[in-house]
Amino acid sequence: MESAEEKAKGVFGERAEFYVNSASHTDPAVLARVVALAAPKPDWSVLDLATGTGHTAFALAPHVASVLGVDLTSEMLARAERLRVERSIANVDFKTADVHRLPFNDGQFQLVTCRRAAHHFSNIRLALQEMRRVLSPGGRLVIDDRSVPEDDFIDRCMNLLDTFHDESHVREYRASEWRDMLEQAGFKVEAIESYIKHRPLTSLTEGVSEANVSQIRKTLEGLTASQREVFNLVDRSGQLYLNHWFVLVSAIR
């Protein structure tokens, strides 16, 4: 049976080009908030986990000494390197690595970031332990990820939809779960900010198999009127839109 990481390499290897210009992953407002929460300093070394095509690494690069972006998927890193060269960014490098077994020294980085990826990690608690290990004392962790509100039905339904969207999906966590997991890993939580994006259905169906698209549509068609309202599921000129929940977290080692 394939692990979540093996599935992720397959999924993101096929979809790598999409992430170069993905509206969600290049969102300037969210990237700016990540940088603000990071409060970077010019002498810092930064580790960007599951960097994908490098958008978070590039956003941080002007504010720090160096950024190392790591990812499991070689196709994603190849496109990140292409963007780095096109933009003439000299202080960003890329490397293949697994967040559960980071090949770095204890306390090597002053900042660790992880954006739109933690819901793929097969062992989130081990990943958080590794993040803390490679941070220097007083170092900061900033995570931006898909999330779910404190509602059992939405939790189940949104996680189901994202499993159909991406079979390497593991779990989107509630804000309360993030606080508990970070504190149990030895972090001091600074801030937890939840936010919602109202996105087209294509954000769930693009690049997805016909069978899984059918399951996504069937799940949404089965919602009651009150459930549709909670999801803010509406038709705009023939295109369905629905809520997607996210969370931004900053914590100190």
Protein backbone atom coordinates (compact mmCIF):
# COMPACT_ATOMS: atom_id res chain seq x y z
CA MET A 1 0.00 0.00 0.00
CA GLU A 2 1.34 3.41 -0.99
CA SER A 3 2.21 5.85 1.79
CA ALA A 4 0.80 9.37 1.77
CA GLU A 5 4.25 10.61 0.75
CA GLU A 6 4.46 8.23 -2.20
CA LYS A 7 0.97 9.29 -3.30
CA ALA A 8 1.95 12.95 -2.94
CA LYS A 9 4.98 12.52 -5.18
CA GLY A 10 2.77 10.99 -7.84
CA VAL A 11 0.01 13.59 -7.58
CA PHE A 12 2.26 16.63 -7.44
CA GLY A 13 4.64 15.32 -10.05
CA GLU A 14 1.71 15.29 -12.48
CA ARG A 15 0.33 18.66 -11.35
CA ALA A 16 3.61 20.54 -10.87
CA GLU A 17 3.12 22.99 -13.72
CA PHE A 18 -0.25 24.05 -12.30
CA TYR A 19 1.39 25.31 -9.10
CA VAL A 20 3.70 27.70 -10.95
CA ASN A 21 0.79 30.12 -11.45
CA SER A 22 -1.82 28.76 -9.01
CA ALA A 23 -3.96 31.69 -7.80
CA SER A 24 -4.16 30.17 -4.33
CA HIS A 25 -0.45 29.49 -3.95
CA THR A 26 0.63 32.84 -5.40
CA ASP A 27 -1.97 34.84 -3.42
CA PRO A 28 -0.06 38.07 -2.58
CA ALA A 29 -2.21 38.94 0.44
CA VAL A 30 -1.67 35.57 2.12
CA LEU A 31 2.05 35.54 1.29
CA ALA A 32 2.37 39.03 2.76
CA ARG A 33 0.66 37.85 5.95
CA VAL A 34 3.01 34.86 6.17
CA VAL A 35 5.97 37.24 5.93
CA ALA A 36 4.46 39.56 8.54
CA LEU A 37 3.91 36.73 11.02
CA ALA A 38 7.42 35.45 10.36
CA ALA A 39 8.88 38.87 11.27
CA PRO A 40 12.09 37.92 9.43
CA LYS A 41 15.50 39.42 10.16
CA PRO A 42 18.32 40.07 7.67
CA ASP A 43 20.72 37.55 9.23
CA TRP A 44 18.27 34.66 9.42
CA SER A 45 18.56 31.28 7.73
CA VAL A 46 15.12 30.00 6.71
CA LEU A 47 13.82 26.51 5.94
CA ASP A 48 10.69 26.37 3.79
CA LEU A 49 9.13 22.91 4.06
CA ALA A 50 7.16 21.35 1.20
CA THR A 51 8.15 24.41 -0.80
CA GLY A 52 6.45 23.23 -3.98
CA THR A 53 7.30 25.70 -6.73
CA GLY A 54 8.91 28.07 -4.23
CA HIS A 55 6.42 30.89 -3.77
CA THR A 56 6.85 31.18 0.02
CA ALA A 57 10.63 30.93 -0.29
CA PHE A 58 10.65 33.74 -2.85
CA ALA A 59 8.40 35.93 -0.70
CA LEU A 60 10.81 35.60 2.25
CA ALA A 61 14.04 35.92 0.27
CA PRO A 62 14.28 39.76 0.26
CA HIS A 63 14.04 39.83 4.07
CA VAL A 64 16.61 37.21 5.15
CA ALA A 65 20.14 35.96 4.54
CA SER A 66 19.14 32.67 2.92
CA VAL A 67 16.19 30.38 2.25
CA LEU A 68 16.38 26.65 1.66
CA GLY A 69 13.23 25.18 0.14
CA VAL A 70 12.73 21.43 0.46
CA ASP A 71 10.16 19.14 -1.10
CA LEU A 72 9.63 15.46 -1.87
CA THR A 73 8.71 16.02 -5.50
CA SER A 74 11.51 16.57 -8.00
CA GLU A 75 9.14 17.98 -10.64
CA MET A 76 8.03 20.72 -8.23
CA LEU A 77 11.61 21.57 -7.33
CA ALA A 78 12.60 21.74 -11.01
CA ARG A 79 9.94 24.36 -11.62
CA ALA A 80 10.92 26.23 -8.47
CA GLU A 81 14.51 26.38 -9.69
CA ARG A 82 13.34 27.63 -13.07
CA LEU A 83 11.42 30.45 -11.38
CA ARG A 84 14.42 31.28 -9.19
CA VAL A 85 16.63 31.69 -12.24
CA GLU A 86 14.01 33.72 -14.13
CA ARG A 87 13.70 36.10 -11.17
CA SER A 88 17.47 36.24 -10.51
CA ILE A 89 17.06 35.36 -6.83
CA ALA A 90 20.50 34.53 -5.45
CA ASN A 91 19.81 33.60 -1.82
CA VAL A 92 17.35 30.72 -2.36
CA ASP A 93 18.33 27.08 -2.87
CA PHE A 94 16.30 23.89 -3.20
CA LYS A 95 16.81 20.36 -1.94
CA THR A 96 14.87 17.09 -1.83
CA ALA A 97 13.87 16.15 1.73
CA ASP A 98 11.07 14.54 3.75
CA VAL A 99 9.64 16.64 6.59
CA HIS A 100 9.54 13.53 8.80
CA ARG A 101 13.33 12.99 8.45
CA LEU A 102 14.96 16.35 7.89
CA PRO A 103 18.66 16.06 6.96
CA PHE A 104 19.68 19.13 8.96
CA ASN A 105 21.46 19.88 12.23
CA ASP A 106 19.66 20.71 15.45
CA GLY A 107 19.00 24.45 15.71
CA GLN A 108 20.21 25.17 12.17
CA PHE A 109 17.44 27.65 11.21
CA GLN A 110 15.93 30.74 12.79
CA LEU A 111 12.68 30.40 10.85
CA VAL A 112 10.77 27.40 9.50
CA THR A 113 7.78 27.90 7.21
CA CYS A 114 5.30 25.43 5.76
CA ARG A 115 2.50 26.53 3.48
CA ARG A 116 -0.47 24.58 2.09
CA ALA A 117 1.19 21.22 2.75
CA ALA A 118 0.77 19.99 6.33
CA HIS A 119 -2.55 18.29 5.49
CA HIS A 120 -0.49 15.83 3.40
CA PHE A 121 1.90 14.77 6.17
CA SER A 122 1.35 11.17 7.23
CA ASN A 123 2.63 11.82 10.76
CA ILE A 124 1.98 15.45 11.66
CA ARG A 125 3.28 15.07 15.23
CA LEU A 126 6.60 13.67 14.03
CA ALA A 127 6.81 16.44 11.45
CA LEU A 128 6.29 19.07 14.16
CA GLN A 129 9.00 17.46 16.29
CA GLU A 130 11.39 17.70 13.34
CA MET A 131 10.45 21.34 12.74
CA ARG A 132 11.19 22.14 16.36
CA ARG A 133 14.45 20.20 16.31
CA VAL A 134 15.93 22.17 13.39
CA LEU A 135 14.86 25.53 14.84
CA SER A 136 17.28 27.48 17.00
CA PRO A 137 16.12 28.39 20.54
CA GLY A 138 13.64 31.23 20.17
CA GLY A 139 13.21 30.43 16.48
CA ARG A 140 9.83 30.84 14.84
CA LEU A 141 7.54 28.44 12.98
CA VAL A 142 4.89 29.79 10.59
CA ILE A 143 2.31 27.46 9.03
CA ASP A 144 -0.41 28.30 6.51
CA ASP A 145 -2.69 25.41 5.63
CA ARG A 146 -6.10 24.17 4.65
CA SER A 147 -8.32 23.89 7.72
CA VAL A 148 -11.83 23.15 8.96
CA PRO A 149 -13.98 25.01 11.48
CA GLU A 150 -15.05 23.62 14.84
CA ASP A 151 -17.99 21.79 13.29
CA ASP A 152 -18.19 18.01 13.01
CA PHE A 153 -20.18 17.90 9.77
CA ILE A 154 -18.04 20.44 7.89
CA ASP A 155 -14.93 18.71 9.22
CA ARG A 156 -16.04 15.34 7.80
CA CYS A 157 -17.39 16.76 4.55
CA MET A 158 -14.46 19.04 3.70
CA ASN A 159 -11.91 16.35 4.45
CA LEU A 160 -13.90 13.95 2.26
CA LEU A 161 -14.02 16.46 -0.61
CA ASP A 162 -10.29 17.03 -0.39
CA THR A 163 -9.60 13.31 -0.39
CA PHE A 164 -11.48 13.06 -3.69
CA HIS A 165 -9.56 16.13 -4.92
CA ASP A 166 -6.19 14.68 -3.94
CA GLU A 167 -5.78 11.08 -2.82
CA SER A 168 -2.59 11.97 -0.92
CA HIS A 169 -4.67 14.14 1.43
CA VAL A 170 -4.43 13.08 5.09
CA ARG A 171 -6.31 15.64 7.22
CA GLU A 172 -7.15 19.32 7.48
CA TYR A 173 -6.98 20.27 11.15
CA ARG A 174 -9.13 22.59 13.21
CA ALA A 175 -7.50 25.65 14.78
CA SER A 176 -7.95 24.03 18.20
CA GLU A 177 -6.10 20.93 16.99
CA TRP A 178 -3.22 23.06 15.78
CA ARG A 179 -2.90 24.72 19.17
CA ASP A 180 -2.92 21.38 20.98
CA MET A 181 -0.43 19.74 18.61
CA LEU A 182 1.99 22.65 18.71
CA GLU A 183 1.90 22.92 22.49
CA GLN A 184 2.39 19.16 22.85
CA ALA A 185 5.40 19.42 20.52
CA GLY A 186 6.95 22.03 22.83
CA PHE A 187 6.10 25.23 20.96
CA LYS A 188 4.72 28.43 22.44
CA VAL A 189 1.83 29.50 20.20
CA GLU A 190 1.96 33.18 19.25
CA ALA A 191 -1.02 33.51 16.92
CA ILE A 192 -3.69 31.43 15.23
CA GLU A 193 -5.69 33.15 12.50
CA SER A 194 -8.51 31.42 10.64
CA TYR A 195 -9.75 32.74 7.29
CA ILE A 196 -12.10 31.71 4.49
CA LYS A 197 -11.74 31.86 0.71
CA HIS A 198 -14.84 31.53 -1.47
CA ARG A 199 -13.51 29.48 -4.38
CA PRO A 200 -14.92 27.94 -7.56
CA LEU A 201 -15.71 24.25 -7.70
CA THR A 202 -12.92 23.90 -10.25
CA SER A 203 -10.46 24.39 -7.39
CA LEU A 204 -11.53 20.90 -6.29
CA THR A 205 -12.08 19.29 -9.69
CA GLU A 206 -9.31 20.58 -11.97
CA GLY A 207 -6.84 17.83 -12.88
CA VAL A 208 -8.90 15.23 -10.98
CA SER A 209 -10.09 11.89 -12.38
CA GLU A 210 -13.63 11.67 -13.75
CA ALA A 211 -14.56 9.17 -11.04
CA ASN A 212 -13.42 11.49 -8.26
CA VAL A 213 -15.05 14.54 -9.86
CA SER A 214 -18.27 12.55 -9.88
CA GLN A 215 -17.85 11.81 -6.16
CA ILE A 216 -17.23 15.51 -5.41
CA ARG A 217 -20.36 16.54 -7.29
CA LYS A 218 -22.41 13.77 -5.66
CA THR A 219 -21.28 14.88 -2.19
CA LEU A 220 -22.25 18.50 -2.85
CA GLU A 221 -25.56 17.56 -4.45
CA GLY A 222 -26.44 15.62 -1.30
CA LEU A 223 -26.13 18.66 0.97
CA THR A 224 -29.28 19.93 2.67
CA ALA A 225 -30.31 23.56 2.30
CA SER A 226 -28.80 24.45 5.67
CA GLN A 227 -25.58 22.62 4.83
CA ARG A 228 -25.34 24.44 1.49
CA GLU A 229 -25.70 27.69 3.41
CA VAL A 230 -22.85 26.82 5.76
CA PHE A 231 -20.63 26.03 2.76
CA ASN A 232 -21.91 29.21 1.06
CA LEU A 233 -22.51 27.01 -1.97
CA VAL A 234 -23.83 29.34 -4.66
CA ASP A 235 -24.06 29.51 -8.44
CA ARG A 236 -22.33 32.40 -10.13
CA SER A 237 -23.03 32.56 -13.85
CA GLY A 238 -23.20 28.78 -14.09
CA GLN A 239 -20.15 28.15 -11.89
CA LEU A 240 -20.51 26.77 -8.36
CA TYR A 241 -18.55 28.45 -5.56
CA LEU A 242 -18.05 27.22 -2.00
CA ASN A 243 -16.15 28.10 1.15
CA HIS A 244 -12.66 26.77 1.80
CA TRP A 245 -11.26 27.21 5.30
CA PHE A 246 -7.63 28.02 6.11
CA VAL A 247 -5.48 28.68 9.16
CA LEU A 248 -2.32 30.71 9.74
CA VAL A 249 -0.23 29.79 12.77
CA SER A 250 2.93 31.23 14.29
CA ALA A 251 4.78 29.64 17.20
CA ILE A 252 8.10 29.95 19.00
CA ARG A 253 10.53 27.15 19.87
